[in-house]
Amino acid sequence: MRFLRYFFLAIVMFVLVVLALANRGFVTLYLVPEELSGLLPFPNSYVVPHFVVIYGAVVLGLLIGFVWEWFREHKIRADAARKKRELSQLEREVKGLREKTGDGKDDVLALLD
């Protein structure tokens, strides 16, 4: 199984390197439209290789997806935490009842008494 994982990672790395080599041309990346460029305290445009834009878009998409999923699963996590607290409370209650009624006896014998 470890071999398959390393093989898959090698293929992904190879594809990323080939993509970077195929897109070495430079592009101008504008942060805001030209009309609004006077409002920024930093440069409005940057000249970067095309593959940086592609990889940046992929990383940004992944980050947005992770955050979106984290917010979406908030209800599920809150429900699981509530059930965990309820379970621990019930376990403490059962333990207290066993100590009070069982007096160290077997559960079946405690029920017969």
C-alpha atoms as a PDB file:
ATOM      1  CA  MET A   1       0.000   0.000   0.000  1.00  0.00           C
ATOM      2  CA  ARG A   2       2.858   2.355   0.794  1.00  0.00           C
ATOM      3  CA  PHE A   3       4.297   1.713  -2.662  1.00  0.00           C
ATOM      4  CA  LEU A   4       1.028   2.776  -4.301  1.00  0.00           C
ATOM      5  CA  ARG A   5       0.971   5.992  -2.297  1.00  0.00           C
ATOM      6  CA  TYR A   6       4.529   6.884  -3.283  1.00  0.00           C
ATOM      7  CA  PHE A   7       3.807   5.960  -6.890  1.00  0.00           C
ATOM      8  CA  PHE A   8       0.742   8.214  -6.938  1.00  0.00           C
ATOM      9  CA  LEU A   9       2.715  11.089  -5.362  1.00  0.00           C
ATOM     10  CA  ALA A  10       5.477  10.637  -7.950  1.00  0.00           C
ATOM     11  CA  ILE A  11       2.950  10.837 -10.787  1.00  0.00           C
ATOM     12  CA  VAL A  12       1.371  13.976  -9.298  1.00  0.00           C
ATOM     13  CA  MET A  13       4.789  15.605  -8.889  1.00  0.00           C
ATOM     14  CA  PHE A  14       5.709  14.702 -12.461  1.00  0.00           C
ATOM     15  CA  VAL A  15       2.475  16.221 -13.804  1.00  0.00           C
ATOM     16  CA  LEU A  16       3.033  19.413 -11.761  1.00  0.00           C
ATOM     17  CA  VAL A  17       6.604  19.785 -13.040  1.00  0.00           C
ATOM     18  CA  VAL A  18       5.528  19.219 -16.656  1.00  0.00           C
ATOM     19  CA  LEU A  19       2.720  21.765 -16.198  1.00  0.00           C
ATOM     20  CA  ALA A  20       5.179  24.302 -14.784  1.00  0.00           C
ATOM     21  CA  LEU A  21       7.641  23.761 -17.632  1.00  0.00           C
ATOM     22  CA  ALA A  22       4.903  24.108 -20.236  1.00  0.00           C
ATOM     23  CA  ASN A  23       3.640  27.404 -18.731  1.00  0.00           C
ATOM     24  CA  ARG A  24       6.851  29.358 -18.141  1.00  0.00           C
ATOM     25  CA  GLY A  25       5.679  32.459 -19.951  1.00  0.00           C
ATOM     26  CA  PHE A  26       5.181  35.601 -17.913  1.00  0.00           C
ATOM     27  CA  VAL A  27       1.789  37.220 -17.412  1.00  0.00           C
ATOM     28  CA  THR A  28       0.797  40.454 -15.733  1.00  0.00           C
ATOM     29  CA  LEU A  29      -1.457  39.908 -12.745  1.00  0.00           C
ATOM     30  CA  TYR A  30      -3.609  42.907 -11.775  1.00  0.00           C
ATOM     31  CA  LEU A  31      -5.064  42.985  -8.270  1.00  0.00           C
ATOM     32  CA  VAL A  32      -7.743  45.618  -9.010  1.00  0.00           C
ATOM     33  CA  PRO A  33      -8.897  47.407 -12.187  1.00  0.00           C
ATOM     34  CA  GLU A  34      -6.628  50.180 -13.483  1.00  0.00           C
ATOM     35  CA  GLU A  35      -9.109  52.882 -12.437  1.00  0.00           C
ATOM     36  CA  LEU A  36      -8.842  51.853  -8.765  1.00  0.00           C
ATOM     37  CA  SER A  37      -5.070  51.387  -8.706  1.00  0.00           C
ATOM     38  CA  GLY A  38      -4.521  54.810  -7.086  1.00  0.00           C
ATOM     39  CA  LEU A  39      -6.344  53.659  -3.943  1.00  0.00           C
ATOM     40  CA  LEU A  40      -3.838  50.928  -3.121  1.00  0.00           C
ATOM     41  CA  PRO A  41      -0.751  51.656  -1.014  1.00  0.00           C
ATOM     42  CA  PHE A  42       1.160  48.888  -2.842  1.00  0.00           C
ATOM     43  CA  PRO A  43       1.720  48.068  -6.528  1.00  0.00           C
ATOM     44  CA  ASN A  44      -1.359  47.081  -8.491  1.00  0.00           C
ATOM     45  CA  SER A  45       0.280  44.706 -10.951  1.00  0.00           C
ATOM     46  CA  TYR A  46       2.830  41.939 -10.711  1.00  0.00           C
ATOM     47  CA  VAL A  47       4.600  40.049 -13.483  1.00  0.00           C
ATOM     48  CA  VAL A  48       4.687  36.348 -12.597  1.00  0.00           C
ATOM     49  CA  PRO A  49       5.101  33.073 -14.489  1.00  0.00           C
ATOM     50  CA  HIS A  50       1.848  31.575 -15.719  1.00  0.00           C
ATOM     51  CA  PHE A  51       2.247  28.385 -13.659  1.00  0.00           C
ATOM     52  CA  VAL A  52       2.339  30.468 -10.448  1.00  0.00           C
ATOM     53  CA  VAL A  53      -1.108  31.807 -11.306  1.00  0.00           C
ATOM     54  CA  ILE A  54      -2.377  28.280 -12.013  1.00  0.00           C
ATOM     55  CA  TYR A  55      -0.942  26.802  -8.806  1.00  0.00           C
ATOM     56  CA  GLY A  56      -2.133  29.800  -6.799  1.00  0.00           C
ATOM     57  CA  ALA A  57      -5.667  29.350  -8.103  1.00  0.00           C
ATOM     58  CA  VAL A  58      -5.610  25.653  -7.193  1.00  0.00           C
ATOM     59  CA  VAL A  59      -4.328  26.366  -3.672  1.00  0.00           C
ATOM     60  CA  LEU A  60      -6.864  29.155  -3.173  1.00  0.00           C
ATOM     61  CA  GLY A  61      -9.664  26.860  -4.339  1.00  0.00           C
ATOM     62  CA  LEU A  62      -8.560  24.156  -1.920  1.00  0.00           C
ATOM     63  CA  LEU A  63      -8.430  26.604   0.984  1.00  0.00           C
ATOM     64  CA  ILE A  64     -11.880  27.974   0.190  1.00  0.00           C
ATOM     65  CA  GLY A  65     -13.211  24.406  -0.037  1.00  0.00           C
ATOM     66  CA  PHE A  66     -11.678  23.394   3.296  1.00  0.00           C
ATOM     67  CA  VAL A  67     -13.092  26.443   5.085  1.00  0.00           C
ATOM     68  CA  TRP A  68     -16.499  25.964   3.462  1.00  0.00           C
ATOM     69  CA  GLU A  69     -16.575  22.309   4.526  1.00  0.00           C
ATOM     70  CA  TRP A  70     -15.480  23.191   8.069  1.00  0.00           C
ATOM     71  CA  PHE A  71     -18.394  25.633   8.390  1.00  0.00           C
ATOM     72  CA  ARG A  72     -20.789  23.116   6.830  1.00  0.00           C
ATOM     73  CA  GLU A  73     -19.827  20.402   9.312  1.00  0.00           C
ATOM     74  CA  HIS A  74     -20.200  22.677  12.349  1.00  0.00           C
ATOM     75  CA  LYS A  75     -23.686  21.303  13.087  1.00  0.00           C
ATOM     76  CA  ILE A  76     -22.404  17.715  12.939  1.00  0.00           C
ATOM     77  CA  ARG A  77     -19.467  18.468  15.275  1.00  0.00           C
ATOM     78  CA  ALA A  78     -21.733  20.291  17.751  1.00  0.00           C
ATOM     79  CA  ASP A  79     -24.160  17.363  17.780  1.00  0.00           C
ATOM     80  CA  ALA A  80     -21.326  14.882  18.357  1.00  0.00           C
ATOM     81  CA  ALA A  81     -19.978  16.970  21.265  1.00  0.00           C
ATOM     82  CA  ARG A  82     -23.442  17.169  22.823  1.00  0.00           C
ATOM     83  CA  LYS A  83     -23.901  13.395  22.547  1.00  0.00           C
ATOM     84  CA  LYS A  84     -20.457  12.805  24.041  1.00  0.00           C
ATOM     85  CA  ARG A  85     -21.322  14.980  27.066  1.00  0.00           C
ATOM     86  CA  GLU A  86     -24.650  13.167  27.447  1.00  0.00           C
ATOM     87  CA  LEU A  87     -22.925   9.780  27.251  1.00  0.00           C
ATOM     88  CA  SER A  88     -20.382  10.677  29.918  1.00  0.00           C
ATOM     89  CA  GLN A  89     -23.167  11.975  32.182  1.00  0.00           C
ATOM     90  CA  LEU A  90     -25.130   8.732  31.751  1.00  0.00           C
ATOM     91  CA  GLU A  91     -22.024   6.644  32.433  1.00  0.00           C
ATOM     92  CA  ARG A  92     -21.416   8.550  35.682  1.00  0.00           C
ATOM     93  CA  GLU A  93     -25.062   8.034  36.640  1.00  0.00           C
ATOM     94  CA  VAL A  94     -24.911   4.281  35.955  1.00  0.00           C
ATOM     95  CA  LYS A  95     -21.667   3.985  37.921  1.00  0.00           C
ATOM     96  CA  GLY A  96     -23.260   5.771  40.878  1.00  0.00           C
ATOM     97  CA  LEU A  97     -26.330   3.549  40.754  1.00  0.00           C
ATOM     98  CA  ARG A  98     -24.191   0.408  40.631  1.00  0.00           C
ATOM     99  CA  GLU A  99     -22.196   1.489  43.651  1.00  0.00           C
ATOM    100  CA  LYS A 100     -25.327   2.395  45.607  1.00  0.00           C
ATOM    101  CA  THR A 101     -27.505  -0.657  44.796  1.00  0.00           C
ATOM    102  CA  GLY A 102     -24.984  -3.353  44.040  1.00  0.00           C
ATOM    103  CA  ASP A 103     -22.739  -3.121  47.089  1.00  0.00           C
ATOM    104  CA  GLY A 104     -19.994  -4.855  45.103  1.00  0.00           C
ATOM    105  CA  LYS A 105     -22.197  -7.830  44.150  1.00  0.00           C
ATOM    106  CA  ASP A 106     -22.671  -9.320  40.743  1.00  0.00           C
ATOM    107  CA  ASP A 107     -25.199  -7.448  38.551  1.00  0.00           C
ATOM    108  CA  VAL A 108     -27.563 -10.421  38.330  1.00  0.00           C
ATOM    109  CA  LEU A 109     -27.512 -10.966  42.104  1.00  0.00           C
ATOM    110  CA  ALA A 110     -28.106  -7.272  42.690  1.00  0.00           C
ATOM    111  CA  LEU A 111     -31.197  -7.442  40.469  1.00  0.00           C
ATOM    112  CA  LEU A 112     -32.562 -10.470  42.371  1.00  0.00           C
ATOM    113  CA  ASP A 113     -32.380  -8.674  45.696  1.00  0.00           C
END
